[in-house]
Amino acid sequence: MERLDTKNKKWQSIYDEIKFKIGSGDYESGTIKIKDIIQKFSVSDITARRVLNELKKDGLVHSIRRKGTIILGKEKIKDIYLIVKDENLIYKSPLNTQIFTRIVNGFNASNFSKLFRKHIISLDFLLSNKEQFKEKDIIIFAEALLKVEKDKVEIDNEKIEQIKEFTPIIIHAFGKIEDLNVVGTDYYSGFFNAVRYLFKNGCRKIGFITGNINVCWYYPRFSGYIDGLKECGLEIIPELIKVTSGENPEEEKKAMEEMIKIKPDAIICANDYRAIRVLEWCNENKIKVPDDISIIGFDNINETKFTNPPLTTIDSKLELYGETVFKLFMKRKNNERVVDVFIKPEIIERESVKGVKL
């Protein structure tokens, strides 16, 4: 036991010394290697690796292919620009606010955040001041590249052409965009897996409340739901598919009044706000959740932890966007191949789904 304590103190003292030198800017090199630690401090390979791993955990160093383990504090801080459609639009709905906050928090929590300084500006400002932003690292929220025409929302190809010269990375993307790199959530797999999850829990008549499926945000969710039913050998019942605007709670209530006549044993909602309204309707009408019906939402917003019962939901993993984008920028910097990334959502099990699991 004494020997173990001595080893622990050894790696800790080395870690503390290197950490202090990195913080003060006195470390001799912009990279750090295991062999350097072994030689300088006369320790074993195991101890050197422990030191390096602890430095990584604290965000002081990061391994990059072909470059080695870099000291983040030694890299020159670069400006990155987060481009939104309109800075005021972010705060016009609770959902938009939570989505934006979670994404930005992910950028702040990333180990790479020490290498980049963030600025939030509007797309109009970017396009009006192109010369100022040439050769800058640009990140554009996908919402800024959409156009709304009556009940249809689609990609604004004119804006796509205007931004290509910046070679931006598009985040919160709904799908691939030709000639641009994107980071988004794999909506299709999220809803496909939600159906399979409910099926494994004994559900056989699964309904779906969604937004307009002609909208790029909702079509992959709808497709995942339909293909999930097919995969599980379940019947597609048109009466159990309802479209609501998501803006008027009465629409979800009316949808449930119609759907409940067919006696579904589960409802998947395209987002958490719809699911919360469905849950409230069930409580008001003495329909027990999850005993009488199971409910799943999407987004994992804060409110889902406090509903009655707490809502099972699909986490879109928005906080991972920041780390993913930073890694793509580092790959570009090192002339490595950059590919689109669609992050797999995760089912967050709470208490609104009946736990049968056949």
Protein backbone atom coordinates (compact mmCIF):
# COMPACT_ATOMS: atom_id res chain seq x y z
CA MET A 1 0.00 0.00 0.00
CA GLU A 2 2.82 2.40 0.79
CA ARG A 3 4.36 1.75 -2.57
CA LEU A 4 1.10 2.57 -4.33
CA ASP A 5 0.82 5.86 -2.44
CA THR A 6 4.37 6.79 -3.47
CA LYS A 7 3.57 6.17 -7.14
CA ASN A 8 0.41 8.23 -6.87
CA LYS A 9 2.36 11.11 -5.36
CA LYS A 10 4.98 10.80 -8.11
CA TRP A 11 2.59 11.20 -11.03
CA GLN A 12 0.71 13.91 -9.16
CA SER A 13 3.83 15.97 -8.54
CA ILE A 14 4.87 15.67 -12.19
CA TYR A 15 1.35 16.58 -13.29
CA ASP A 16 1.32 19.63 -11.00
CA GLU A 17 4.69 20.83 -12.29
CA ILE A 18 3.74 20.50 -15.96
CA LYS A 19 0.32 22.05 -15.33
CA PHE A 20 1.95 25.05 -13.64
CA LYS A 21 4.40 25.55 -16.50
CA ILE A 22 1.64 25.30 -19.12
CA GLY A 23 -0.47 27.81 -17.20
CA SER A 24 2.39 30.25 -16.86
CA GLY A 25 3.44 29.80 -20.49
CA ASP A 26 6.86 28.48 -19.49
CA TYR A 27 6.63 24.96 -20.91
CA GLU A 28 9.54 24.44 -23.28
CA SER A 29 7.62 23.06 -26.27
CA GLY A 30 4.28 23.29 -28.00
CA THR A 31 4.00 19.49 -27.91
CA ILE A 32 4.45 16.94 -25.16
CA LYS A 33 5.40 13.28 -25.56
CA ILE A 34 5.43 10.28 -23.25
CA LYS A 35 9.15 9.73 -23.89
CA ASP A 36 9.84 13.35 -22.90
CA ILE A 37 8.15 12.82 -19.53
CA ILE A 38 10.03 9.53 -19.00
CA GLN A 39 13.40 11.11 -19.75
CA LYS A 40 12.87 14.36 -17.88
CA PHE A 41 11.40 12.90 -14.69
CA SER A 42 12.97 9.38 -14.74
CA VAL A 43 9.65 7.58 -14.42
CA SER A 44 8.08 4.50 -15.97
CA ASP A 45 6.00 4.42 -19.12
CA ILE A 46 2.88 3.75 -17.00
CA THR A 47 3.46 6.84 -14.85
CA ALA A 48 4.15 9.03 -17.91
CA ARG A 49 0.94 7.84 -19.57
CA ARG A 50 -1.01 8.57 -16.39
CA VAL A 51 0.33 12.13 -16.34
CA LEU A 52 -0.56 12.65 -20.00
CA ASN A 53 -4.06 11.23 -19.54
CA GLU A 54 -4.73 13.52 -16.60
CA LEU A 55 -3.56 16.51 -18.62
CA LYS A 56 -5.99 15.48 -21.39
CA LYS A 57 -8.86 15.16 -18.93
CA ASP A 58 -8.24 18.71 -17.73
CA GLY A 59 -8.19 20.05 -21.29
CA LEU A 60 -4.56 21.13 -21.13
CA VAL A 61 -3.38 18.94 -24.00
CA HIS A 62 -4.98 17.15 -26.93
CA SER A 63 -3.74 14.45 -29.32
CA ILE A 64 -3.85 15.28 -33.01
CA ARG A 65 -2.96 12.83 -35.74
CA ARG A 66 0.51 13.33 -37.26
CA LYS A 67 1.18 16.25 -34.94
CA GLY A 68 1.32 14.48 -31.60
CA THR A 69 -0.06 15.76 -28.32
CA ILE A 70 -0.25 19.53 -28.43
CA ILE A 71 -0.36 21.88 -25.47
CA LEU A 72 -3.55 23.83 -26.00
CA GLY A 73 -2.21 26.88 -24.24
CA LYS A 74 0.66 27.06 -26.76
CA GLU A 75 -1.53 27.32 -29.83
CA LYS A 76 -2.44 30.75 -31.15
CA ILE A 77 -6.04 31.64 -30.28
CA LYS A 78 -8.17 31.92 -33.40
CA ASP A 79 -11.44 33.76 -33.88
CA ILE A 80 -14.45 31.71 -34.96
CA TYR A 81 -17.76 33.17 -36.01
CA LEU A 82 -21.13 31.60 -35.15
CA ILE A 83 -23.58 32.78 -37.78
CA VAL A 84 -27.29 32.91 -36.97
CA LYS A 85 -30.23 34.01 -39.10
CA ASP A 86 -31.09 36.83 -36.73
CA GLU A 87 -29.71 37.21 -33.21
CA ASN A 88 -33.16 38.18 -31.92
CA LEU A 89 -34.85 35.08 -33.34
CA ILE A 90 -32.88 32.83 -31.00
CA TYR A 91 -34.87 34.07 -28.02
CA LYS A 92 -38.36 34.19 -29.53
CA SER A 93 -39.31 30.67 -28.39
CA PRO A 94 -38.28 28.60 -25.35
CA LEU A 95 -37.22 25.73 -27.63
CA ASN A 96 -34.95 27.92 -29.76
CA THR A 97 -33.40 29.38 -26.62
CA GLN A 98 -32.66 25.97 -25.12
CA ILE A 99 -31.27 24.57 -28.37
CA PHE A 100 -28.98 27.56 -28.89
CA THR A 101 -27.85 27.57 -25.25
CA ARG A 102 -27.03 23.85 -25.26
CA ILE A 103 -25.04 24.15 -28.48
CA VAL A 104 -23.06 27.15 -27.23
CA ASN A 105 -22.48 25.44 -23.87
CA GLY A 106 -21.00 22.53 -25.81
CA PHE A 107 -18.56 24.88 -27.49
CA ASN A 108 -17.59 26.34 -24.12
CA ALA A 109 -17.10 22.91 -22.51
CA SER A 110 -14.88 21.55 -25.28
CA ASN A 111 -11.17 21.07 -24.63
CA PHE A 112 -10.61 22.99 -27.86
CA SER A 113 -12.38 26.09 -26.52
CA LYS A 114 -8.99 27.35 -25.33
CA LEU A 115 -7.90 27.58 -28.97
CA PHE A 116 -10.85 29.59 -30.25
CA ARG A 117 -12.57 32.86 -29.40
CA LYS A 118 -16.28 32.89 -30.38
CA HIS A 119 -18.26 35.73 -31.94
CA ILE A 120 -21.98 35.58 -32.75
CA ILE A 121 -23.16 37.60 -35.75
CA SER A 122 -26.10 37.54 -38.14
CA LEU A 123 -25.99 36.06 -41.63
CA ASP A 124 -26.97 39.41 -43.15
CA PHE A 125 -23.97 41.07 -41.50
CA LEU A 126 -21.65 38.35 -42.79
CA LEU A 127 -22.90 38.71 -46.36
CA SER A 128 -22.72 42.51 -46.19
CA ASN A 129 -19.11 42.45 -45.01
CA LYS A 130 -17.57 39.59 -46.97
CA GLU A 131 -14.08 41.02 -47.23
CA GLN A 132 -13.77 41.24 -43.46
CA PHE A 133 -14.47 37.52 -43.02
CA LYS A 134 -12.38 36.02 -45.80
CA GLU A 135 -10.25 33.07 -44.63
CA LYS A 136 -11.95 33.10 -41.21
CA ASP A 137 -13.37 30.04 -39.45
CA ILE A 138 -17.10 30.28 -40.06
CA ILE A 139 -19.84 28.17 -38.46
CA ILE A 140 -23.41 28.67 -39.67
CA PHE A 141 -26.57 27.49 -37.96
CA ALA A 142 -28.61 25.62 -40.56
CA GLU A 143 -31.75 27.59 -39.69
CA ALA A 144 -30.11 30.64 -41.27
CA LEU A 145 -30.09 28.87 -44.65
CA LEU A 146 -33.81 28.11 -44.84
CA LYS A 147 -36.62 29.97 -46.54
CA VAL A 148 -40.25 29.80 -45.46
CA GLU A 149 -43.02 29.85 -48.03
CA LYS A 150 -46.52 29.30 -46.63
CA ASP A 151 -46.46 25.78 -45.15
CA LYS A 152 -43.18 24.81 -46.75
CA VAL A 153 -39.69 25.24 -45.37
CA GLU A 154 -36.76 24.40 -47.62
CA ILE A 155 -33.11 25.17 -48.25
CA ASP A 156 -32.47 28.63 -49.70
CA ASN A 157 -30.16 27.71 -52.58
CA GLU A 158 -29.33 31.36 -53.24
CA LYS A 159 -27.92 31.74 -49.73
CA ILE A 160 -26.06 28.44 -50.06
CA GLU A 161 -24.24 29.78 -53.11
CA GLN A 162 -23.47 33.06 -51.31
CA ILE A 163 -21.79 31.35 -48.35
CA LYS A 164 -19.74 28.74 -50.22
CA GLU A 165 -16.79 31.09 -50.62
CA PHE A 166 -16.33 31.00 -46.81
CA THR A 167 -16.18 27.15 -46.75
CA PRO A 168 -18.17 27.19 -43.51
CA ILE A 169 -19.19 24.26 -41.35
CA ILE A 170 -22.98 24.04 -41.03
CA ILE A 171 -24.29 22.97 -37.62
CA HIS A 172 -27.68 21.73 -36.41
CA ALA A 173 -27.96 20.43 -39.95
CA PHE A 174 -31.00 18.48 -41.16
CA GLY A 175 -29.10 16.58 -43.85
CA LYS A 176 -26.18 16.75 -46.26
CA ILE A 177 -25.56 19.97 -48.22
CA GLU A 178 -23.60 19.69 -51.44
CA ASP A 179 -20.03 21.07 -51.30
CA LEU A 180 -20.30 21.98 -47.60
CA ASN A 181 -19.34 20.17 -44.39
CA VAL A 182 -22.15 19.69 -41.90
CA VAL A 183 -22.59 18.60 -38.29
CA GLY A 184 -26.04 17.57 -37.17
CA THR A 185 -28.21 15.05 -35.37
CA ASP A 186 -29.24 11.78 -37.00
CA TYR A 187 -32.99 12.36 -36.64
CA TYR A 188 -33.83 9.29 -38.70
CA SER A 189 -32.04 6.85 -36.41
CA GLY A 190 -33.44 8.58 -33.32
CA PHE A 191 -37.04 7.88 -34.30
CA PHE A 192 -36.30 4.51 -35.87
CA ASN A 193 -34.77 3.39 -32.58
CA ALA A 194 -37.62 4.92 -30.58
CA VAL A 195 -40.07 2.61 -32.37
CA ARG A 196 -37.83 -0.39 -31.74
CA TYR A 197 -37.48 0.61 -28.08
CA LEU A 198 -41.26 0.77 -27.66
CA PHE A 199 -41.66 -2.53 -29.52
CA LYS A 200 -39.22 -4.22 -27.12
CA ASN A 201 -41.32 -2.82 -24.28
CA GLY A 202 -44.42 -4.53 -25.59
CA CYS A 203 -46.03 -1.69 -27.61
CA ARG A 204 -47.74 -2.77 -30.83
CA LYS A 205 -49.96 0.18 -31.80
CA ILE A 206 -47.65 3.21 -31.94
CA GLY A 207 -48.87 6.68 -32.93
CA PHE A 208 -46.88 9.71 -34.07
CA ILE A 209 -47.50 13.43 -33.58
CA THR A 210 -45.26 15.51 -35.82
CA GLY A 211 -44.83 18.84 -37.55
CA ASN A 212 -45.31 19.28 -41.28
CA ILE A 213 -43.39 16.42 -42.91
CA ASN A 214 -42.67 18.63 -45.94
CA VAL A 215 -40.36 20.58 -43.64
CA CYS A 216 -36.77 19.38 -43.73
CA TRP A 217 -36.62 19.09 -39.91
CA TYR A 218 -39.55 16.71 -39.70
CA TYR A 219 -39.24 14.50 -42.75
CA PRO A 220 -36.32 12.38 -41.42
CA ARG A 221 -38.18 11.93 -38.12
CA PHE A 222 -41.26 10.75 -39.97
CA SER A 223 -39.18 8.44 -42.19
CA GLY A 224 -37.49 6.92 -39.12
CA TYR A 225 -40.87 6.31 -37.51
CA ILE A 226 -42.33 4.64 -40.63
CA ASP A 227 -39.27 2.46 -41.25
CA GLY A 228 -39.20 1.55 -37.56
CA LEU A 229 -42.77 0.25 -37.81
CA LYS A 230 -41.85 -1.78 -40.90
CA GLU A 231 -38.73 -3.19 -39.22
CA CYS A 232 -40.82 -4.37 -36.27
CA GLY A 233 -43.57 -5.78 -38.50
CA LEU A 234 -46.13 -3.30 -37.15
CA GLU A 235 -49.11 -1.91 -39.01
CA ILE A 236 -48.96 1.67 -40.30
CA ILE A 237 -52.27 3.20 -39.16
CA PRO A 238 -52.90 6.57 -40.87
CA GLU A 239 -55.33 7.61 -38.12
CA LEU A 240 -52.48 7.37 -35.61
CA ILE A 241 -50.35 9.93 -37.49
CA LYS A 242 -51.22 13.52 -36.67
CA VAL A 243 -49.66 16.80 -37.84
CA THR A 244 -49.72 19.85 -35.56
CA SER A 245 -48.12 23.28 -35.82
CA GLY A 246 -46.49 22.95 -32.40
CA GLU A 247 -47.62 26.49 -31.58
CA ASN A 248 -51.13 25.86 -30.23
CA PRO A 249 -51.55 23.35 -27.37
CA GLU A 250 -55.15 22.79 -28.43
CA GLU A 251 -53.91 21.01 -31.57
CA GLU A 252 -52.19 18.26 -29.58
CA LYS A 253 -55.28 17.90 -27.40
CA LYS A 254 -57.51 17.53 -30.45
CA ALA A 255 -55.07 15.02 -31.95
CA MET A 256 -55.21 12.92 -28.78
CA GLU A 257 -59.01 13.06 -28.65
CA GLU A 258 -59.06 11.49 -32.11
CA MET A 259 -56.20 9.04 -31.61
CA ILE A 260 -57.36 7.68 -28.27
CA LYS A 261 -60.47 6.23 -29.94
CA ILE A 262 -58.15 3.77 -31.74
CA LYS A 263 -56.53 2.84 -28.42
CA PRO A 264 -52.81 3.28 -29.16
CA ASP A 265 -50.48 1.86 -26.55
CA ALA A 266 -47.74 4.42 -27.29
CA ILE A 267 -47.26 7.89 -28.80
CA ILE A 268 -43.98 9.26 -30.18
CA CYS A 269 -43.83 13.04 -30.50
CA ALA A 270 -41.55 14.98 -32.84
CA ASN A 271 -40.37 17.15 -29.95
CA ASP A 272 -40.69 17.41 -26.18
CA TYR A 273 -43.17 20.29 -26.13
CA ARG A 274 -45.67 18.22 -28.09
CA ALA A 275 -45.01 15.26 -25.79
CA ILE A 276 -45.53 17.38 -22.66
CA ARG A 277 -48.90 18.59 -23.99
CA VAL A 278 -49.91 14.99 -24.73
CA LEU A 279 -48.87 13.98 -21.22
CA GLU A 280 -50.88 16.83 -19.71
CA TRP A 281 -53.94 15.82 -21.76
CA CYS A 282 -53.63 12.25 -20.50
CA ASN A 283 -53.42 13.45 -16.88
CA GLU A 284 -56.46 15.69 -17.35
CA ASN A 285 -58.47 12.80 -18.82
CA LYS A 286 -57.50 10.21 -16.20
CA ILE A 287 -55.42 8.19 -18.67
CA LYS A 288 -52.54 6.69 -16.74
CA VAL A 289 -49.04 7.12 -18.14
CA PRO A 290 -47.36 4.69 -18.64
CA ASP A 291 -49.90 2.03 -17.51
CA ASP A 292 -52.50 2.92 -20.15
CA ILE A 293 -50.25 4.56 -22.74
CA SER A 294 -46.52 5.22 -23.17
CA ILE A 295 -45.15 8.57 -24.39
CA ILE A 296 -41.75 9.54 -25.84
CA GLY A 297 -40.55 13.02 -26.76
CA PHE A 298 -37.49 14.36 -28.54
CA ASP A 299 -34.82 16.94 -27.56
CA ASN A 300 -34.39 16.24 -23.81
CA ILE A 301 -35.31 19.78 -22.81
CA ASN A 302 -35.06 20.76 -19.13
CA GLU A 303 -38.79 20.44 -18.45
CA THR A 304 -38.86 16.71 -19.24
CA LYS A 305 -37.24 15.91 -15.89
CA PHE A 306 -40.09 17.53 -13.97
CA THR A 307 -43.25 16.38 -15.74
CA ASN A 308 -45.67 13.95 -14.08
CA PRO A 309 -44.39 11.35 -14.69
CA PRO A 310 -40.89 12.37 -15.87
CA LEU A 311 -40.81 12.08 -19.66
CA THR A 312 -38.80 9.48 -21.52
CA THR A 313 -37.20 11.34 -24.42
CA ILE A 314 -34.56 11.18 -27.13
CA ASP A 315 -31.50 13.32 -26.43
CA SER A 316 -30.28 15.05 -29.59
CA LYS A 317 -26.76 15.40 -28.06
CA LEU A 318 -26.50 19.07 -29.00
CA GLU A 319 -23.63 19.60 -26.57
CA LEU A 320 -21.41 17.41 -28.77
CA TYR A 321 -21.61 19.81 -31.72
CA GLY A 322 -18.90 22.09 -30.33
CA GLU A 323 -16.28 19.39 -29.79
CA THR A 324 -17.11 17.90 -33.21
CA VAL A 325 -16.80 21.22 -35.05
CA PHE A 326 -13.50 22.07 -33.33
CA LYS A 327 -12.10 18.69 -34.38
CA LEU A 328 -13.13 19.35 -37.98
CA PHE A 329 -11.38 22.72 -37.94
CA MET A 330 -8.24 21.08 -36.54
CA LYS A 331 -8.36 18.47 -39.31
CA ARG A 332 -8.62 21.22 -41.91
CA LYS A 333 -5.66 22.93 -40.34
CA ASN A 334 -3.63 19.73 -40.65
CA ASN A 335 -4.84 19.10 -44.24
CA GLU A 336 -6.71 15.96 -43.19
CA ARG A 337 -9.89 14.71 -44.83
CA VAL A 338 -13.03 16.26 -43.32
CA VAL A 339 -16.34 14.38 -43.50
CA ASP A 340 -19.90 15.20 -42.47
CA VAL A 341 -20.88 14.12 -38.96
CA PHE A 342 -24.39 13.16 -37.85
CA ILE A 343 -24.48 12.42 -34.14
CA LYS A 344 -26.57 9.45 -32.98
CA PRO A 345 -29.29 10.46 -30.49
CA GLU A 346 -29.71 8.59 -27.22
CA ILE A 347 -32.92 7.43 -25.54
CA ILE A 348 -33.17 8.85 -22.01
CA GLU A 349 -35.25 6.41 -19.99
CA ARG A 350 -37.49 7.98 -17.38
CA GLU A 351 -41.00 6.97 -16.31
CA SER A 352 -43.39 7.60 -19.23
CA VAL A 353 -42.79 4.27 -20.98
CA LYS A 354 -44.10 1.02 -19.55
CA GLY A 355 -41.17 -1.27 -18.82
CA VAL A 356 -42.11 -4.67 -20.21
CA LYS A 357 -39.12 -5.48 -22.44
CA LEU A 358 -40.15 -8.76 -24.02
